[in-house]
Amino acid sequence: MTAQTDAAIAARALPLLDLTDLGDSCTDATIAALCENAQAGPVAAVCVWPAFVPACRRRLGTSAVRIATVVNFPAGGEDVEATVAETRATLLEGAQEIDLVLPYRALLRGDEAAARAMVEAVRAVCGPACLKVILETGTLAEPGTIAAASRLALEAGADFIKTSTGKSPVSATPEAAATMLAAIRESGRPAGLKVSGGLRSVADAATYLALADRLMGPGWVSPATMRLGASSLYGALTAAKAAA
């Protein structure tokens, strides 16, 4: 790819970014840097542990950058009551977007009802907040299982379906993303895709943008329909954009 092409891709991808810090060494200082970079981008959202939502709220103020956080993360357990309580608490602290891990192991053992109950319960308390449901596609593995998980999440009220926690051995793949996009297209309702886990380069961003353009049409991609979740992609995108 030429530098100009890289710059054009970066300019398109940067506003879709959920700039993420879900590391074990996250601190107030790293959150401050995250929020500063997010506003400089600018990006769609920051995505942080629930404990850091209040700090993001203070630092972002009235910025258009949204605050996302994770619940039932990363294990994807089946304790609906605890996850609903966690969701309520972080919404009260200022979260605007909830990234919920689907109980994917329940789905793998054939207990679709347990997985659906979790999504429906969290959807019920989200109100106007955006609900992204993480499928953990690397563990679901099979296209048919990923498609079933996508349909379940969308039927239960997900605003976005998301590939991965980034904590599993296999994260996002174009094949999984294609299956998810097909489910969104076939659902007949507005919903988006978040690709997360392993995105590091302008070429990675280009792959998923091209996939969405091909399957959903060239006018589909926007922050309301597509997000790129990453911690290290920001540097590559800003460098490419600056090189224009």
Protein backbone atom coordinates (compact mmCIF):
# COMPACT_ATOMS: atom_id res chain seq x y z
CA MET A 1 0.00 0.00 0.00
CA THR A 2 1.17 3.51 -0.71
CA ALA A 3 1.57 6.12 2.02
CA GLN A 4 -1.41 8.01 0.59
CA THR A 5 -3.54 4.88 0.71
CA ASP A 6 -2.42 4.23 4.28
CA ALA A 7 -3.33 7.79 5.20
CA ALA A 8 -6.79 7.48 3.67
CA ILE A 9 -7.43 4.22 5.50
CA ALA A 10 -6.20 5.73 8.76
CA ALA A 11 -8.43 8.78 8.37
CA ARG A 12 -11.39 6.49 7.88
CA ALA A 13 -10.52 4.02 10.64
CA LEU A 14 -9.53 6.39 13.44
CA PRO A 15 -13.09 7.68 14.13
CA LEU A 16 -14.22 4.03 14.47
CA LEU A 17 -11.69 3.18 17.17
CA ASP A 18 -12.63 2.05 20.66
CA LEU A 19 -9.31 2.95 22.27
CA THR A 20 -8.86 0.24 24.86
CA ASP A 21 -6.96 -0.38 28.08
CA LEU A 22 -8.00 -3.64 29.69
CA GLY A 23 -4.52 -4.62 30.77
CA ASP A 24 -3.54 -5.91 34.19
CA SER A 25 -1.29 -2.89 34.78
CA CYS A 26 -3.89 -0.20 34.07
CA THR A 27 -3.42 2.87 36.31
CA ASP A 28 -4.77 6.39 36.66
CA ALA A 29 -1.77 7.59 34.64
CA THR A 30 -2.42 5.21 31.75
CA ILE A 31 -6.10 6.19 31.79
CA ALA A 32 -5.14 9.89 31.62
CA ALA A 33 -2.98 9.17 28.56
CA LEU A 34 -5.74 7.08 27.02
CA CYS A 35 -8.27 9.89 27.36
CA GLU A 36 -5.82 12.45 25.99
CA ASN A 37 -5.14 10.31 22.93
CA ALA A 38 -8.83 9.60 22.47
CA GLN A 39 -9.67 13.29 22.27
CA ALA A 40 -6.71 14.02 20.01
CA GLY A 41 -7.78 11.33 17.55
CA PRO A 42 -10.61 11.83 17.93
CA VAL A 43 -11.91 8.28 18.33
CA ALA A 44 -15.38 6.87 18.92
CA ALA A 45 -14.86 5.70 22.50
CA VAL A 46 -12.50 4.58 25.20
CA CYS A 47 -13.01 1.11 26.64
CA VAL A 48 -11.79 0.52 30.21
CA TRP A 49 -12.34 -1.59 33.29
CA PRO A 50 -15.41 -0.52 35.34
CA ALA A 51 -13.18 0.84 38.11
CA PHE A 52 -11.79 3.47 35.72
CA VAL A 53 -15.10 4.75 34.35
CA PRO A 54 -15.29 7.66 36.86
CA ALA A 55 -11.76 8.78 35.94
CA CYS A 56 -12.69 8.74 32.24
CA ARG A 57 -15.82 10.73 32.98
CA ARG A 58 -13.79 13.39 34.77
CA ARG A 59 -11.16 13.61 32.05
CA LEU A 60 -13.45 13.47 29.02
CA GLY A 61 -16.04 15.88 30.39
CA THR A 62 -18.32 17.01 27.59
CA SER A 63 -16.14 15.45 24.89
CA ALA A 64 -17.90 13.52 22.13
CA VAL A 65 -15.68 10.53 22.95
CA ARG A 66 -17.88 7.92 24.60
CA ILE A 67 -17.05 5.81 27.64
CA ALA A 68 -17.35 2.05 27.23
CA THR A 69 -16.72 -0.59 29.84
CA VAL A 70 -16.85 -4.38 30.14
CA VAL A 71 -19.10 -6.64 32.21
CA ASN A 72 -19.06 -10.40 32.75
CA PHE A 73 -15.52 -10.02 31.46
CA PRO A 74 -13.55 -11.94 30.37
CA ALA A 75 -14.94 -15.26 31.60
CA GLY A 76 -18.46 -15.00 30.19
CA GLY A 77 -20.08 -16.53 33.26
CA GLU A 78 -23.76 -17.19 33.82
CA ASP A 79 -24.52 -15.17 36.97
CA VAL A 80 -27.20 -12.89 35.57
CA GLU A 81 -27.93 -11.12 38.85
CA ALA A 82 -24.29 -10.19 39.46
CA THR A 83 -23.80 -9.00 35.88
CA VAL A 84 -26.94 -6.88 35.98
CA ALA A 85 -25.75 -5.30 39.25
CA GLU A 86 -22.33 -4.63 37.72
CA THR A 87 -23.99 -3.05 34.69
CA ARG A 88 -26.25 -0.81 36.77
CA ALA A 89 -23.34 0.37 38.91
CA THR A 90 -21.08 1.30 36.01
CA LEU A 91 -23.89 3.08 34.16
CA LEU A 92 -24.48 5.21 37.26
CA GLU A 93 -20.77 6.08 37.26
CA GLY A 94 -20.91 7.37 33.70
CA ALA A 95 -20.52 4.47 31.28
CA GLN A 96 -22.35 5.05 28.00
CA GLU A 97 -21.57 1.74 26.31
CA ILE A 98 -21.57 -1.75 27.81
CA ASP A 99 -19.45 -4.55 26.33
CA LEU A 100 -21.02 -7.74 27.71
CA VAL A 101 -19.40 -11.15 27.33
CA LEU A 102 -21.96 -13.68 26.14
CA PRO A 103 -22.07 -16.87 28.25
CA TYR A 104 -20.48 -18.63 25.31
CA ARG A 105 -19.72 -21.86 27.18
CA ALA A 106 -23.44 -22.22 27.86
CA LEU A 107 -24.05 -21.88 24.15
CA LEU A 108 -21.38 -24.48 23.38
CA ARG A 109 -23.05 -27.02 25.66
CA GLY A 110 -26.42 -26.36 24.05
CA ASP A 111 -27.95 -24.12 26.72
CA GLU A 112 -29.10 -21.31 24.48
CA ALA A 113 -31.63 -20.18 27.09
CA ALA A 114 -28.90 -19.29 29.61
CA ALA A 115 -27.02 -17.24 27.06
CA ARG A 116 -30.18 -15.45 25.90
CA ALA A 117 -31.27 -14.72 29.48
CA MET A 118 -28.02 -12.89 30.18
CA VAL A 119 -28.26 -10.65 27.12
CA GLU A 120 -31.94 -9.87 27.67
CA ALA A 121 -31.40 -9.01 31.33
CA VAL A 122 -28.51 -6.65 30.63
CA ARG A 123 -30.39 -5.10 27.72
CA ALA A 124 -33.29 -4.39 30.07
CA VAL A 125 -31.15 -2.25 32.39
CA CYS A 126 -29.05 -0.52 29.71
CA GLY A 127 -31.71 2.01 28.75
CA PRO A 128 -30.24 4.31 26.09
CA ALA A 129 -26.72 2.93 26.61
CA CYS A 130 -25.21 1.03 23.69
CA LEU A 131 -24.98 -2.73 24.31
CA LYS A 132 -22.18 -4.62 22.57
CA VAL A 133 -22.24 -8.39 23.04
CA ILE A 134 -18.87 -10.16 22.88
CA LEU A 135 -19.22 -13.61 21.30
CA GLU A 136 -15.64 -14.87 21.82
CA THR A 137 -15.56 -16.17 18.28
CA GLY A 138 -12.14 -17.79 18.59
CA THR A 139 -13.57 -20.22 21.13
CA LEU A 140 -16.90 -20.71 19.34
CA ALA A 141 -14.73 -21.49 16.31
CA GLU A 142 -17.27 -23.03 13.91
CA PRO A 143 -19.04 -20.68 11.46
CA GLY A 144 -22.41 -22.22 12.30
CA THR A 145 -21.89 -21.66 16.01
CA ILE A 146 -20.73 -18.08 15.45
CA ALA A 147 -23.80 -17.46 13.28
CA ALA A 148 -26.09 -18.89 15.97
CA ALA A 149 -24.46 -16.74 18.66
CA SER A 150 -24.78 -13.68 16.44
CA ARG A 151 -28.48 -14.30 15.84
CA LEU A 152 -29.12 -14.91 19.54
CA ALA A 153 -27.39 -11.69 20.60
CA LEU A 154 -29.19 -9.62 17.97
CA GLU A 155 -32.58 -11.12 18.82
CA ALA A 156 -31.95 -10.41 22.52
CA GLY A 157 -31.30 -6.72 21.84
CA ALA A 158 -27.61 -6.21 21.11
CA ASP A 159 -26.76 -2.92 19.40
CA PHE A 160 -23.40 -4.37 18.31
CA ILE A 161 -21.97 -7.85 18.18
CA LYS A 162 -18.27 -8.03 18.99
CA THR A 163 -15.73 -10.68 18.04
CA SER A 164 -13.56 -11.17 21.08
CA THR A 165 -12.38 -10.25 24.55
CA GLY A 166 -8.79 -10.15 23.34
CA LYS A 167 -7.99 -12.55 26.20
CA SER A 168 -8.42 -15.82 24.28
CA PRO A 169 -5.78 -17.63 22.18
CA VAL A 170 -7.68 -16.82 18.96
CA SER A 171 -9.19 -13.36 18.64
CA ALA A 172 -10.75 -11.63 15.62
CA THR A 173 -10.54 -13.21 12.19
CA PRO A 174 -11.96 -11.98 8.87
CA GLU A 175 -13.89 -15.24 8.57
CA ALA A 176 -15.68 -14.72 11.89
CA ALA A 177 -16.35 -11.07 11.06
CA ALA A 178 -17.88 -12.09 7.73
CA THR A 179 -20.23 -14.52 9.47
CA MET A 180 -21.26 -11.82 11.94
CA LEU A 181 -21.86 -9.26 9.21
CA ALA A 182 -24.06 -11.74 7.37
CA ALA A 183 -26.12 -12.21 10.56
CA ILE A 184 -26.50 -8.44 10.93
CA ARG A 185 -27.58 -8.10 7.32
CA GLU A 186 -30.10 -10.93 7.67
CA SER A 187 -31.50 -9.68 11.00
CA GLY A 188 -33.45 -6.88 9.36
CA ARG A 189 -32.68 -4.45 12.16
CA PRO A 190 -30.02 -1.77 12.67
CA ALA A 191 -26.98 -3.21 14.41
CA GLY A 192 -23.22 -2.93 14.24
CA LEU A 193 -20.02 -4.97 14.31
CA LYS A 194 -17.08 -4.46 16.65
CA VAL A 195 -13.88 -6.19 15.64
CA SER A 196 -11.58 -6.63 18.62
CA GLY A 197 -8.48 -8.62 19.41
CA GLY A 198 -5.22 -8.63 17.48
CA LEU A 199 -5.68 -5.46 15.43
CA ARG A 200 -2.31 -3.69 15.28
CA SER A 201 -1.64 -2.28 11.81
CA VAL A 202 -3.17 -0.11 9.13
CA ALA A 203 -3.37 -3.26 7.02
CA ASP A 204 -5.47 -4.94 9.73
CA ALA A 205 -7.90 -2.01 9.71
CA ALA A 206 -8.00 -2.06 5.91
CA THR A 207 -8.92 -5.74 5.89
CA TYR A 208 -12.02 -5.25 8.00
CA LEU A 209 -13.09 -2.02 6.33
CA ALA A 210 -12.90 -3.72 2.93
CA LEU A 211 -14.86 -6.69 4.26
CA ALA A 212 -17.64 -4.44 5.57
CA ASP A 213 -17.74 -2.46 2.32
CA ARG A 214 -18.06 -5.67 0.32
CA LEU A 215 -20.73 -7.34 2.43
CA MET A 216 -22.74 -4.34 3.66
CA GLY A 217 -22.21 -1.74 0.94
CA PRO A 218 -19.77 1.19 0.71
CA GLY A 219 -22.00 3.60 2.66
CA TRP A 220 -22.58 1.33 5.67
CA VAL A 221 -19.46 1.91 7.78
CA SER A 222 -19.69 4.63 10.44
CA PRO A 223 -19.10 4.83 14.21
CA ALA A 224 -22.78 3.89 14.61
CA THR A 225 -22.30 0.62 12.74
CA MET A 226 -18.66 -0.39 13.06
CA ARG A 227 -16.00 -0.19 15.74
CA LEU A 228 -12.40 -1.34 15.87
CA GLY A 229 -11.38 -2.28 19.40
CA ALA A 230 -7.66 -2.04 20.05
CA SER A 231 -4.97 -0.68 22.32
CA SER A 232 -2.03 -0.60 19.90
CA LEU A 233 -3.77 0.33 16.64
CA TYR A 234 -4.01 4.01 17.58
CA GLY A 235 -0.29 4.64 17.08
CA ALA A 236 -0.24 3.05 13.65
CA LEU A 237 -3.30 5.00 12.49
CA THR A 238 -2.12 8.38 13.78
CA ALA A 239 1.34 7.88 12.27
CA ALA A 240 -0.17 7.00 8.88
CA LYS A 241 -2.54 9.95 8.99
CA ALA A 242 0.26 12.34 9.90
CA ALA A 243 2.36 11.08 7.00
CA ALA A 244 -0.21 12.25 4.43
